[in-house]
Amino acid sequence: MKRSLTLSTLLFSGGAHASAAQSAEFASADCVTGLNEIGLISVNNISGSQQDVEDAIAQKADEQGASWYRIVQMYEEQQPDNWRAQAIIYA
């Protein structure tokens, strides 16, 4: 079964998902007003759970020098537990 999450679904789960090792933090749509958008990132073929995907996005955002990220698309591929996601990153 293919699962797909849109921005509204992700915002429902809400909250910051960052560990001490990651400086980039999750930002909901209503929190990005006034932030400087610096790019779009994506991750592919992430095995595991939705949290694993969010962790991969946070790490990639941090590597790009972002302070914040907002996941705009996340979905599971045909193969179960194999995810793709895109996020906008902000300074």
N, C-alpha and C. Protein backbone atom coordinates (compact mmCIF):
# COMPACT_ATOMS: atom_id res chain seq x y z
N MET A 1 0.84 -1.17 0.00
CA MET A 1 0.00 0.00 0.00
C MET A 1 0.89 1.24 0.00
N LYS A 2 0.64 2.16 -0.89
CA LYS A 2 1.43 3.38 -0.99
C LYS A 2 0.82 4.45 -0.10
N ARG A 3 1.63 4.99 0.79
CA ARG A 3 1.16 6.05 1.66
C ARG A 3 1.73 7.38 1.19
N SER A 4 0.99 8.44 1.34
CA SER A 4 1.44 9.76 0.94
C SER A 4 1.05 10.77 2.00
N LEU A 5 1.98 11.64 2.32
CA LEU A 5 1.70 12.69 3.30
C LEU A 5 1.86 14.03 2.63
N THR A 6 0.92 14.90 2.84
CA THR A 6 1.03 16.25 2.31
C THR A 6 1.41 17.18 3.45
N LEU A 7 1.64 18.41 3.09
CA LEU A 7 2.04 19.40 4.08
C LEU A 7 1.03 19.49 5.22
N SER A 8 -0.25 19.47 4.92
CA SER A 8 -1.24 19.60 5.99
C SER A 8 -1.17 18.43 6.96
N THR A 9 -0.92 17.24 6.45
CA THR A 9 -0.79 16.08 7.33
C THR A 9 0.44 16.22 8.21
N LEU A 10 1.54 16.68 7.61
CA LEU A 10 2.77 16.85 8.38
C LEU A 10 2.61 17.93 9.44
N LEU A 11 1.88 18.97 9.12
CA LEU A 11 1.69 20.04 10.09
C LEU A 11 0.82 19.58 11.25
N PHE A 12 -0.06 18.64 10.99
CA PHE A 12 -0.89 18.10 12.05
C PHE A 12 -0.03 17.46 13.14
N SER A 13 1.04 16.75 12.71
CA SER A 13 1.92 16.13 13.69
C SER A 13 2.72 17.18 14.44
N GLY A 14 3.03 18.29 13.77
CA GLY A 14 3.64 19.48 14.36
C GLY A 14 4.83 19.24 15.27
N GLY A 15 5.38 20.33 15.76
CA GLY A 15 6.47 20.26 16.72
C GLY A 15 7.82 20.28 16.07
N ALA A 16 8.82 20.49 16.88
CA ALA A 16 10.20 20.50 16.39
C ALA A 16 10.78 19.10 16.51
N HIS A 17 11.43 18.69 15.46
CA HIS A 17 12.06 17.37 15.43
C HIS A 17 13.54 17.55 15.15
N ALA A 18 14.30 17.88 16.15
CA ALA A 18 15.73 18.07 15.97
C ALA A 18 16.45 17.51 17.18
N SER A 19 17.54 16.86 16.93
CA SER A 19 18.34 16.36 18.03
C SER A 19 19.42 17.37 18.36
N ALA A 20 20.13 17.16 19.44
CA ALA A 20 21.17 18.09 19.86
C ALA A 20 22.25 18.24 18.80
N ALA A 21 22.47 17.21 17.99
CA ALA A 21 23.52 17.25 16.98
C ALA A 21 23.10 18.03 15.74
N GLN A 22 21.83 18.35 15.60
CA GLN A 22 21.33 19.04 14.43
C GLN A 22 20.87 20.44 14.81
N SER A 23 21.32 21.42 14.04
CA SER A 23 20.91 22.78 14.38
C SER A 23 19.68 23.22 13.59
N ALA A 24 19.41 22.61 12.43
CA ALA A 24 18.23 22.96 11.67
C ALA A 24 17.00 22.39 12.38
N GLU A 25 15.94 23.20 12.45
CA GLU A 25 14.73 22.78 13.16
C GLU A 25 13.52 22.82 12.24
N PHE A 26 12.55 21.97 12.53
CA PHE A 26 11.28 21.94 11.81
C PHE A 26 10.54 23.25 12.01
N ALA A 27 9.95 23.78 10.94
CA ALA A 27 9.13 24.99 11.04
C ALA A 27 7.81 24.73 10.35
N SER A 28 6.71 25.05 11.02
CA SER A 28 5.40 24.89 10.40
C SER A 28 5.16 26.05 9.43
N ALA A 29 4.18 25.91 8.57
CA ALA A 29 3.91 26.90 7.53
C ALA A 29 3.64 28.28 8.11
N ASP A 30 2.98 28.36 9.25
CA ASP A 30 2.67 29.67 9.83
C ASP A 30 3.86 30.31 10.54
N CYS A 31 4.97 29.61 10.63
CA CYS A 31 6.16 30.15 11.30
C CYS A 31 7.24 30.63 10.34
N VAL A 32 7.08 30.43 9.04
CA VAL A 32 8.14 30.77 8.10
C VAL A 32 8.03 32.18 7.52
N THR A 33 6.95 32.88 7.81
CA THR A 33 6.80 34.24 7.33
C THR A 33 7.96 35.08 7.87
N GLY A 34 8.64 35.73 6.96
CA GLY A 34 9.77 36.57 7.35
C GLY A 34 11.11 35.86 7.34
N LEU A 35 11.10 34.53 7.21
CA LEU A 35 12.37 33.81 7.12
C LEU A 35 12.88 33.87 5.68
N ASN A 36 14.18 33.81 5.51
CA ASN A 36 14.81 33.87 4.20
C ASN A 36 14.91 32.46 3.61
N GLU A 37 14.12 32.19 2.56
CA GLU A 37 14.16 30.89 1.89
C GLU A 37 15.48 30.77 1.14
N ILE A 38 16.23 29.69 1.39
CA ILE A 38 17.53 29.54 0.73
C ILE A 38 17.60 28.35 -0.22
N GLY A 39 16.57 27.55 -0.29
CA GLY A 39 16.60 26.45 -1.24
C GLY A 39 15.58 25.37 -0.99
N LEU A 40 15.66 24.36 -1.84
CA LEU A 40 14.79 23.19 -1.76
C LEU A 40 15.70 21.98 -1.71
N ILE A 41 15.45 21.09 -0.77
CA ILE A 41 16.24 19.87 -0.66
C ILE A 41 15.32 18.67 -0.78
N SER A 42 15.91 17.54 -1.14
CA SER A 42 15.14 16.31 -1.20
C SER A 42 16.00 15.15 -0.74
N VAL A 43 15.34 14.13 -0.25
CA VAL A 43 15.99 12.87 0.10
C VAL A 43 15.20 11.76 -0.57
N ASN A 44 15.92 10.73 -0.98
CA ASN A 44 15.31 9.61 -1.70
C ASN A 44 15.79 8.30 -1.10
N ASN A 45 14.98 7.29 -1.25
CA ASN A 45 15.34 5.93 -0.83
C ASN A 45 15.73 5.85 0.64
N ILE A 46 14.97 6.52 1.49
CA ILE A 46 15.20 6.47 2.93
C ILE A 46 14.41 5.29 3.48
N SER A 47 15.10 4.35 4.07
CA SER A 47 14.44 3.18 4.66
C SER A 47 14.05 3.49 6.09
N GLY A 48 12.93 2.95 6.51
CA GLY A 48 12.50 3.10 7.89
C GLY A 48 11.18 3.82 8.02
N SER A 49 11.09 4.61 9.07
CA SER A 49 9.83 5.26 9.43
C SER A 49 9.81 6.72 8.96
N GLN A 50 8.68 7.37 9.18
CA GLN A 50 8.55 8.79 8.87
C GLN A 50 9.56 9.61 9.69
N GLN A 51 9.81 9.20 10.92
CA GLN A 51 10.79 9.91 11.76
C GLN A 51 12.19 9.81 11.16
N ASP A 52 12.52 8.66 10.57
CA ASP A 52 13.82 8.51 9.90
C ASP A 52 13.95 9.48 8.73
N VAL A 53 12.86 9.69 8.01
CA VAL A 53 12.85 10.63 6.89
C VAL A 53 13.05 12.05 7.42
N GLU A 54 12.33 12.41 8.47
CA GLU A 54 12.48 13.75 9.06
C GLU A 54 13.90 13.97 9.56
N ASP A 55 14.50 12.95 10.15
CA ASP A 55 15.89 13.06 10.61
C ASP A 55 16.84 13.28 9.44
N ALA A 56 16.60 12.58 8.31
CA ALA A 56 17.45 12.74 7.13
C ALA A 56 17.31 14.15 6.55
N ILE A 57 16.08 14.67 6.52
CA ILE A 57 15.85 16.04 6.05
C ILE A 57 16.57 17.02 6.97
N ALA A 58 16.42 16.86 8.27
CA ALA A 58 17.06 17.76 9.24
C ALA A 58 18.58 17.76 9.06
N GLN A 59 19.15 16.59 8.87
CA GLN A 59 20.60 16.49 8.68
C GLN A 59 21.03 17.19 7.40
N LYS A 60 20.30 16.97 6.32
CA LYS A 60 20.65 17.60 5.05
C LYS A 60 20.48 19.12 5.13
N ALA A 61 19.43 19.57 5.80
CA ALA A 61 19.23 21.01 5.98
C ALA A 61 20.39 21.62 6.76
N ASP A 62 20.82 20.93 7.78
CA ASP A 62 21.94 21.39 8.58
C ASP A 62 23.22 21.47 7.74
N GLU A 63 23.44 20.47 6.91
CA GLU A 63 24.61 20.45 6.04
C GLU A 63 24.60 21.62 5.05
N GLN A 64 23.41 22.07 4.67
CA GLN A 64 23.27 23.19 3.73
C GLN A 64 23.33 24.54 4.44
N GLY A 65 23.49 24.53 5.76
CA GLY A 65 23.59 25.76 6.53
C GLY A 65 22.25 26.38 6.89
N ALA A 66 21.20 25.61 6.82
CA ALA A 66 19.86 26.12 7.14
C ALA A 66 19.63 26.13 8.65
N SER A 67 18.82 27.08 9.08
CA SER A 67 18.39 27.11 10.48
C SER A 67 17.05 26.43 10.66
N TRP A 68 16.24 26.44 9.59
CA TRP A 68 14.88 25.90 9.63
C TRP A 68 14.61 25.11 8.36
N TYR A 69 13.68 24.18 8.44
CA TYR A 69 13.20 23.47 7.26
C TYR A 69 11.71 23.24 7.41
N ARG A 70 11.03 23.16 6.26
CA ARG A 70 9.59 22.87 6.25
C ARG A 70 9.37 21.78 5.21
N ILE A 71 8.93 20.62 5.66
CA ILE A 71 8.68 19.50 4.76
C ILE A 71 7.41 19.79 3.97
N VAL A 72 7.52 19.77 2.65
CA VAL A 72 6.38 20.07 1.79
C VAL A 72 5.82 18.84 1.11
N GLN A 73 6.62 17.76 1.07
CA GLN A 73 6.12 16.52 0.48
C GLN A 73 6.89 15.34 1.08
N MET A 74 6.15 14.30 1.43
CA MET A 74 6.76 13.06 1.91
C MET A 74 5.86 11.92 1.46
N TYR A 75 6.45 10.93 0.84
CA TYR A 75 5.63 9.78 0.46
C TYR A 75 6.46 8.51 0.44
N GLU A 76 5.76 7.41 0.59
CA GLU A 76 6.36 6.09 0.59
C GLU A 76 6.31 5.53 -0.83
N GLU A 77 7.43 4.98 -1.26
CA GLU A 77 7.52 4.37 -2.59
C GLU A 77 6.71 3.07 -2.64
N GLN A 78 6.69 2.44 -3.81
CA GLN A 78 6.01 1.15 -3.98
C GLN A 78 6.49 0.13 -2.96
N GLN A 79 7.80 0.11 -2.74
CA GLN A 79 8.38 -0.81 -1.77
C GLN A 79 8.12 -0.25 -0.36
N PRO A 80 7.51 -1.01 0.52
CA PRO A 80 7.21 -0.52 1.87
C PRO A 80 8.45 -0.04 2.61
N ASP A 81 8.26 0.98 3.41
CA ASP A 81 9.32 1.56 4.23
C ASP A 81 10.48 2.11 3.41
N ASN A 82 10.18 2.62 2.22
CA ASN A 82 11.17 3.27 1.37
C ASN A 82 10.58 4.62 0.98
N TRP A 83 11.14 5.69 1.52
CA TRP A 83 10.52 7.01 1.49
C TRP A 83 11.28 8.02 0.63
N ARG A 84 10.54 9.05 0.18
CA ARG A 84 11.08 10.24 -0.49
C ARG A 84 10.47 11.45 0.20
N ALA A 85 11.22 12.54 0.20
CA ALA A 85 10.68 13.77 0.80
C ALA A 85 11.36 14.98 0.19
N GLN A 86 10.65 16.11 0.23
CA GLN A 86 11.19 17.40 -0.18
C GLN A 86 10.89 18.40 0.92
N ALA A 87 11.82 19.34 1.07
CA ALA A 87 11.64 20.38 2.10
C ALA A 87 12.22 21.69 1.59
N ILE A 88 11.62 22.77 2.02
CA ILE A 88 12.16 24.10 1.79
C ILE A 88 13.03 24.43 2.98
N ILE A 89 14.22 24.99 2.72
CA ILE A 89 15.11 25.35 3.81
C ILE A 89 15.21 26.86 3.92
N TYR A 90 15.42 27.31 5.15
CA TYR A 90 15.44 28.74 5.46
C TYR A 90 16.67 29.09 6.30
N ALA A 91 17.16 30.34 6.09
CA ALA A 91 18.31 30.82 6.87
C ALA A 91 17.81 31.34 8.21
